[in-house]
C-alpha atoms as a PDB file:
ATOM      1  CA  MET A   1      34.650  37.854 105.911  1.00  0.00           C
ATOM      2  CA  ASN A   2      37.576  36.710 108.601  1.00  0.00           C
ATOM      3  CA  ARG A   3      40.185  33.852 108.468  1.00  0.00           C
ATOM      4  CA  LEU A   4      38.095  31.796 110.825  1.00  0.00           C
ATOM      5  CA  HIS A   5      34.989  31.907 108.174  1.00  0.00           C
ATOM      6  CA  PHE A   6      37.600  30.953 105.210  1.00  0.00           C
ATOM      7  CA  ILE A   7      38.924  27.986 107.274  1.00  0.00           C
ATOM      8  CA  ARG A   8      35.480  26.428 108.180  1.00  0.00           C
ATOM      9  CA  TYR A   9      34.715  26.688 104.115  1.00  0.00           C
ATOM     10  CA  LEU A  10      38.197  25.132 103.529  1.00  0.00           C
ATOM     11  CA  GLU A  11      37.656  22.217 105.897  1.00  0.00           C
ATOM     12  CA  GLN A  12      34.233  21.665 104.308  1.00  0.00           C
ATOM     13  CA  GLY A  13      35.837  21.391 100.937  1.00  0.00           C
ATOM     14  CA  ILE A  14      34.027  24.423  99.389  1.00  0.00           C
ATOM     15  CA  HIS A  15      34.847  28.076  98.628  1.00  0.00           C
ATOM     16  CA  TYR A  16      32.740  30.758 100.676  1.00  0.00           C
ATOM     17  CA  ASP A  17      30.470  30.968  97.577  1.00  0.00           C
ATOM     18  CA  GLY A  18      29.644  27.312  97.361  1.00  0.00           C
ATOM     19  CA  ARG A  19      32.174  26.323  94.455  1.00  0.00           C
ATOM     20  CA  GLY A  20      34.102  23.277  95.190  1.00  0.00           C
ATOM     21  CA  LEU A  21      37.836  23.777  95.685  1.00  0.00           C
ATOM     22  CA  LEU A  22      38.987  22.781  91.926  1.00  0.00           C
ATOM     23  CA  GLU A  23      35.678  24.276  90.663  1.00  0.00           C
ATOM     24  CA  TYR A  24      36.282  27.543  88.676  1.00  0.00           C
ATOM     25  CA  ARG A  25      34.047  30.678  88.563  1.00  0.00           C
ATOM     26  CA  PRO A  26      32.378  30.908  84.827  1.00  0.00           C
ATOM     27  CA  VAL A  27      34.395  33.251  82.648  1.00  0.00           C
ATOM     28  CA  THR A  28      32.598  35.411  79.625  1.00  0.00           C
ATOM     29  CA  VAL A  29      34.340  37.880  77.357  1.00  0.00           C
ATOM     30  CA  THR A  30      32.700  40.072  75.031  1.00  0.00           C
ATOM     31  CA  VAL A  31      34.600  42.077  72.591  1.00  0.00           C
ATOM     32  CA  ASN A  32      33.415  45.364  70.785  1.00  0.00           C
ATOM     33  CA  VAL A  33      31.474  46.888  73.698  1.00  0.00           C
ATOM     34  CA  SER A  34      32.722  50.351  72.866  1.00  0.00           C
ATOM     35  CA  HIS A  35      32.291  52.100  69.545  1.00  0.00           C
ATOM     36  CA  SER A  36      34.524  55.059  70.570  1.00  0.00           C
ATOM     37  CA  ALA A  37      37.735  52.759  71.053  1.00  0.00           C
ATOM     38  CA  GLU A  38      39.670  51.121  68.460  1.00  0.00           C
ATOM     39  CA  GLY A  39      39.298  47.975  70.277  1.00  0.00           C
ATOM     40  CA  SER A  40      37.103  46.933  73.633  1.00  0.00           C
ATOM     41  CA  ALA A  41      36.381  44.034  75.844  1.00  0.00           C
ATOM     42  CA  GLN A  42      34.194  43.355  78.974  1.00  0.00           C
ATOM     43  CA  VAL A  43      35.260  40.219  81.073  1.00  0.00           C
ATOM     44  CA  MET A  44      33.248  38.616  83.922  1.00  0.00           C
ATOM     45  CA  ILE A  45      34.871  36.062  85.956  1.00  0.00           C
ATOM     46  CA  GLY A  46      31.957  35.168  88.310  1.00  0.00           C
ATOM     47  CA  GLN A  47      30.759  38.375  89.473  1.00  0.00           C
ATOM     48  CA  THR A  48      33.783  40.220  88.769  1.00  0.00           C
ATOM     49  CA  GLN A  49      33.142  42.676  85.867  1.00  0.00           C
ATOM     50  CA  VAL A  50      35.847  44.535  84.049  1.00  0.00           C
ATOM     51  CA  MET A  51      35.983  46.842  80.775  1.00  0.00           C
ATOM     52  CA  ALA A  52      39.024  47.528  78.859  1.00  0.00           C
ATOM     53  CA  GLY A  53      39.162  49.818  75.604  1.00  0.00           C
ATOM     54  CA  VAL A  54      42.218  50.409  73.284  1.00  0.00           C
ATOM     55  CA  LYS A  55      43.060  53.855  71.832  1.00  0.00           C
ATOM     56  CA  LEU A  56      45.579  54.218  68.933  1.00  0.00           C
ATOM     57  CA  ALA A  57      47.472  57.322  67.943  1.00  0.00           C
ATOM     58  CA  VAL A  58      50.331  58.479  66.263  1.00  0.00           C
ATOM     59  CA  GLU A  59      52.938  59.899  68.388  1.00  0.00           C
ATOM     60  CA  THR A  60      56.764  60.647  69.352  1.00  0.00           C
ATOM     61  CA  PRO A  61      58.414  57.675  70.533  1.00  0.00           C
ATOM     62  CA  TYR A  62      59.786  57.405  73.943  1.00  0.00           C
ATOM     63  CA  PRO A  63      63.480  58.684  74.079  1.00  0.00           C
ATOM     64  CA  ASP A  64      64.941  55.518  75.710  1.00  0.00           C
ATOM     65  CA  SER A  65      63.243  53.350  72.668  1.00  0.00           C
ATOM     66  CA  PRO A  66      63.244  55.689  69.777  1.00  0.00           C
ATOM     67  CA  GLU A  67      62.411  52.546  67.413  1.00  0.00           C
ATOM     68  CA  ASN A  68      59.566  51.204  69.306  1.00  0.00           C
ATOM     69  CA  GLY A  69      56.110  52.216  69.706  1.00  0.00           C
ATOM     70  CA  ASN A  70      54.760  53.251  72.997  1.00  0.00           C
ATOM     71  CA  LEU A  71      52.485  51.207  75.151  1.00  0.00           C
ATOM     72  CA  MET A  72      50.770  52.528  78.310  1.00  0.00           C
ATOM     73  CA  VAL A  73      48.304  50.863  80.712  1.00  0.00           C
ATOM     74  CA  ASN A  74      45.732  52.816  83.009  1.00  0.00           C
ATOM     75  CA  ALA A  75      43.501  51.187  85.639  1.00  0.00           C
ATOM     76  CA  GLU A  76      40.694  52.803  87.087  1.00  0.00           C
ATOM     77  CA  LEU A  77      38.825  51.200  90.127  1.00  0.00           C
ATOM     78  CA  LEU A  78      35.450  52.826  90.235  1.00  0.00           C
ATOM     79  CA  PRO A  79      33.505  53.600  93.449  1.00  0.00           C
ATOM     80  CA  ILE A  80      30.417  51.741  91.995  1.00  0.00           C
ATOM     81  CA  SER A  81      32.363  48.449  91.680  1.00  0.00           C
ATOM     82  CA  ASN A  82      33.691  48.460  95.449  1.00  0.00           C
ATOM     83  CA  PRO A  83      32.782  50.668  98.461  1.00  0.00           C
ATOM     84  CA  GLU A  84      36.452  50.771  99.206  1.00  0.00           C
ATOM     85  CA  PHE A  85      37.526  52.502  96.246  1.00  0.00           C
ATOM     86  CA  GLU A  86      37.241  56.223  95.992  1.00  0.00           C
ATOM     87  CA  PRO A  87      37.026  59.175  93.273  1.00  0.00           C
ATOM     88  CA  GLY A  88      39.859  61.182  92.692  1.00  0.00           C
ATOM     89  CA  PRO A  89      43.603  60.712  92.001  1.00  0.00           C
ATOM     90  CA  PRO A  90      44.533  56.863  91.453  1.00  0.00           C
ATOM     91  CA  GLN A  91      44.862  54.845  94.476  1.00  0.00           C
ATOM     92  CA  ILE A  92      47.842  52.509  95.217  1.00  0.00           C
ATOM     93  CA  GLN A  93      45.495  49.662  93.936  1.00  0.00           C
ATOM     94  CA  ALA A  94      44.856  51.080  90.769  1.00  0.00           C
ATOM     95  CA  ILE A  95      48.528  52.007  90.045  1.00  0.00           C
ATOM     96  CA  GLU A  96      49.439  48.176  91.216  1.00  0.00           C
ATOM     97  CA  LEU A  97      46.865  46.939  88.827  1.00  0.00           C
ATOM     98  CA  ALA A  98      47.993  48.953  85.816  1.00  0.00           C
ATOM     99  CA  ARG A  99      51.471  47.827  86.284  1.00  0.00           C
ATOM    100  CA  VAL A 100      50.872  44.072  86.320  1.00  0.00           C
ATOM    101  CA  VAL A 101      48.589  44.219  83.240  1.00  0.00           C
ATOM    102  CA  ASP A 102      51.251  46.508  81.608  1.00  0.00           C
ATOM    103  CA  ARG A 103      54.161  43.884  82.647  1.00  0.00           C
ATOM    104  CA  GLY A 104      51.975  40.843  81.599  1.00  0.00           C
ATOM    105  CA  ILE A 105      51.560  42.489  78.176  1.00  0.00           C
ATOM    106  CA  ARG A 106      55.077  43.419  77.766  1.00  0.00           C
ATOM    107  CA  GLU A 107      56.856  40.185  79.037  1.00  0.00           C
ATOM    108  CA  SER A 108      54.749  37.982  77.123  1.00  0.00           C
ATOM    109  CA  HIS A 109      55.283  40.014  73.895  1.00  0.00           C
ATOM    110  CA  ALA A 110      51.541  40.115  73.197  1.00  0.00           C
ATOM    111  CA  ILE A 111      52.361  43.398  71.480  1.00  0.00           C
ATOM    112  CA  ASP A 112      55.788  43.739  69.305  1.00  0.00           C
ATOM    113  CA  THR A 113      56.589  47.378  70.068  1.00  0.00           C
ATOM    114  CA  ALA A 114      59.175  47.307  67.221  1.00  0.00           C
ATOM    115  CA  LYS A 115      56.398  46.663  64.793  1.00  0.00           C
ATOM    116  CA  LEU A 116      54.635  50.163  65.872  1.00  0.00           C
ATOM    117  CA  CYS A 117      57.607  52.146  64.599  1.00  0.00           C
ATOM    118  CA  ILE A 118      56.454  54.322  61.639  1.00  0.00           C
ATOM    119  CA  LYS A 119      59.654  56.176  61.314  1.00  0.00           C
ATOM    120  CA  ALA A 120      62.525  55.606  63.722  1.00  0.00           C
ATOM    121  CA  LYS A 121      63.097  58.789  66.443  1.00  0.00           C
ATOM    122  CA  GLU A 122      59.995  60.379  64.838  1.00  0.00           C
ATOM    123  CA  LYS A 123      56.720  58.570  64.501  1.00  0.00           C
ATOM    124  CA  VAL A 124      55.473  55.340  66.185  1.00  0.00           C
ATOM    125  CA  TRP A 125      52.027  54.372  67.005  1.00  0.00           C
ATOM    126  CA  SER A 126      51.106  54.620  70.691  1.00  0.00           C
ATOM    127  CA  VAL A 127      48.623  51.781  72.317  1.00  0.00           C
ATOM    128  CA  MET A 128      46.792  52.933  75.439  1.00  0.00           C
ATOM    129  CA  ILE A 129      45.024  50.405  77.301  1.00  0.00           C
ATOM    130  CA  ASP A 130      42.364  51.713  79.858  1.00  0.00           C
ATOM    131  CA  VAL A 131      40.987  49.141  82.154  1.00  0.00           C
ATOM    132  CA  MET A 132      37.761  49.953  84.478  1.00  0.00           C
ATOM    133  CA  SER A 133      36.502  47.904  87.163  1.00  0.00           C
ATOM    134  CA  ILE A 134      32.558  47.506  86.818  1.00  0.00           C
ATOM    135  CA  ASN A 135      31.934  45.061  89.878  1.00  0.00           C
ATOM    136  CA  ASP A 136      34.778  43.780  92.201  1.00  0.00           C
ATOM    137  CA  GLU A 137      33.908  40.439  93.552  1.00  0.00           C
ATOM    138  CA  GLY A 138      37.621  39.392  93.739  1.00  0.00           C
ATOM    139  CA  ASN A 139      40.500  38.557  91.177  1.00  0.00           C
ATOM    140  CA  LEU A 140      40.612  41.612  89.343  1.00  0.00           C
ATOM    141  CA  PHE A 141      44.047  40.872  88.149  1.00  0.00           C
ATOM    142  CA  ASP A 142      43.022  38.085  86.177  1.00  0.00           C
ATOM    143  CA  ALA A 143      39.786  39.776  84.962  1.00  0.00           C
ATOM    144  CA  SER A 144      41.687  42.904  83.765  1.00  0.00           C
ATOM    145  CA  SER A 145      44.619  41.056  82.192  1.00  0.00           C
ATOM    146  CA  VAL A 146      42.062  38.948  79.987  1.00  0.00           C
ATOM    147  CA  ALA A 147      39.836  42.223  79.213  1.00  0.00           C
ATOM    148  CA  ALA A 148      43.175  44.024  77.976  1.00  0.00           C
ATOM    149  CA  LEU A 149      44.368  41.244  75.726  1.00  0.00           C
ATOM    150  CA  ALA A 150      40.756  40.661  74.558  1.00  0.00           C
ATOM    151  CA  ALA A 151      40.389  44.226  73.874  1.00  0.00           C
ATOM    152  CA  ILE A 152      43.865  44.418  71.872  1.00  0.00           C
ATOM    153  CA  LYS A 153      43.010  41.482  69.822  1.00  0.00           C
ATOM    154  CA  ASN A 154      40.004  43.420  68.803  1.00  0.00           C
ATOM    155  CA  ALA A 155      41.473  46.577  68.058  1.00  0.00           C
ATOM    156  CA  ARG A 156      41.838  47.956  64.735  1.00  0.00           C
ATOM    157  CA  PHE A 157      44.358  50.431  63.538  1.00  0.00           C
ATOM    158  CA  PRO A 158      42.698  53.712  62.068  1.00  0.00           C
ATOM    159  CA  LYS A 159      43.777  54.848  58.619  1.00  0.00           C
ATOM    160  CA  TYR A 160      47.227  56.285  58.540  1.00  0.00           C
ATOM    161  CA  GLU A 161      48.505  58.282  55.510  1.00  0.00           C
ATOM    162  CA  ASN A 162      52.365  57.286  55.303  1.00  0.00           C
ATOM    163  CA  ASP A 163      53.066  60.261  52.889  1.00  0.00           C
ATOM    164  CA  ALA A 164      52.499  62.503  56.001  1.00  0.00           C
ATOM    165  CA  ILE A 165      56.043  61.304  57.303  1.00  0.00           C
ATOM    166  CA  ASP A 166      58.018  62.341  54.356  1.00  0.00           C
END
């Protein structure tokens, strides 16, 4: 859609999909959609659909934060969700999406990484969040952020024997 089409819709007081200018697209959040992850969620904002999964593992802390757990966000923009997305190494859009979601989680302190420390400099919990686009009709940043946070909230830590660290 070109710029003139958007201007015409705005002059009529509607979005290109017929919604009023102040009308939100419907939002649905479904948790526990994957049984292979410790937490998962599917989010739909209008026709945009995103899934997120959380995996948890005990690992070595990053050298620059030996008393904090690890957090990593990965985003995959699947070709099935948008013809502009291609398979293969992450494209710049996927890297930027992962960075924005990661920054949002860190800066909001949605996860207190200090509480993920099992034994300083030796063992911490790593929280790995995977976000995948299923259908891209716009606003992947919001849909991915909500999906990641819902998956985190849904996550349950696997059993871990503390005796193993002594």
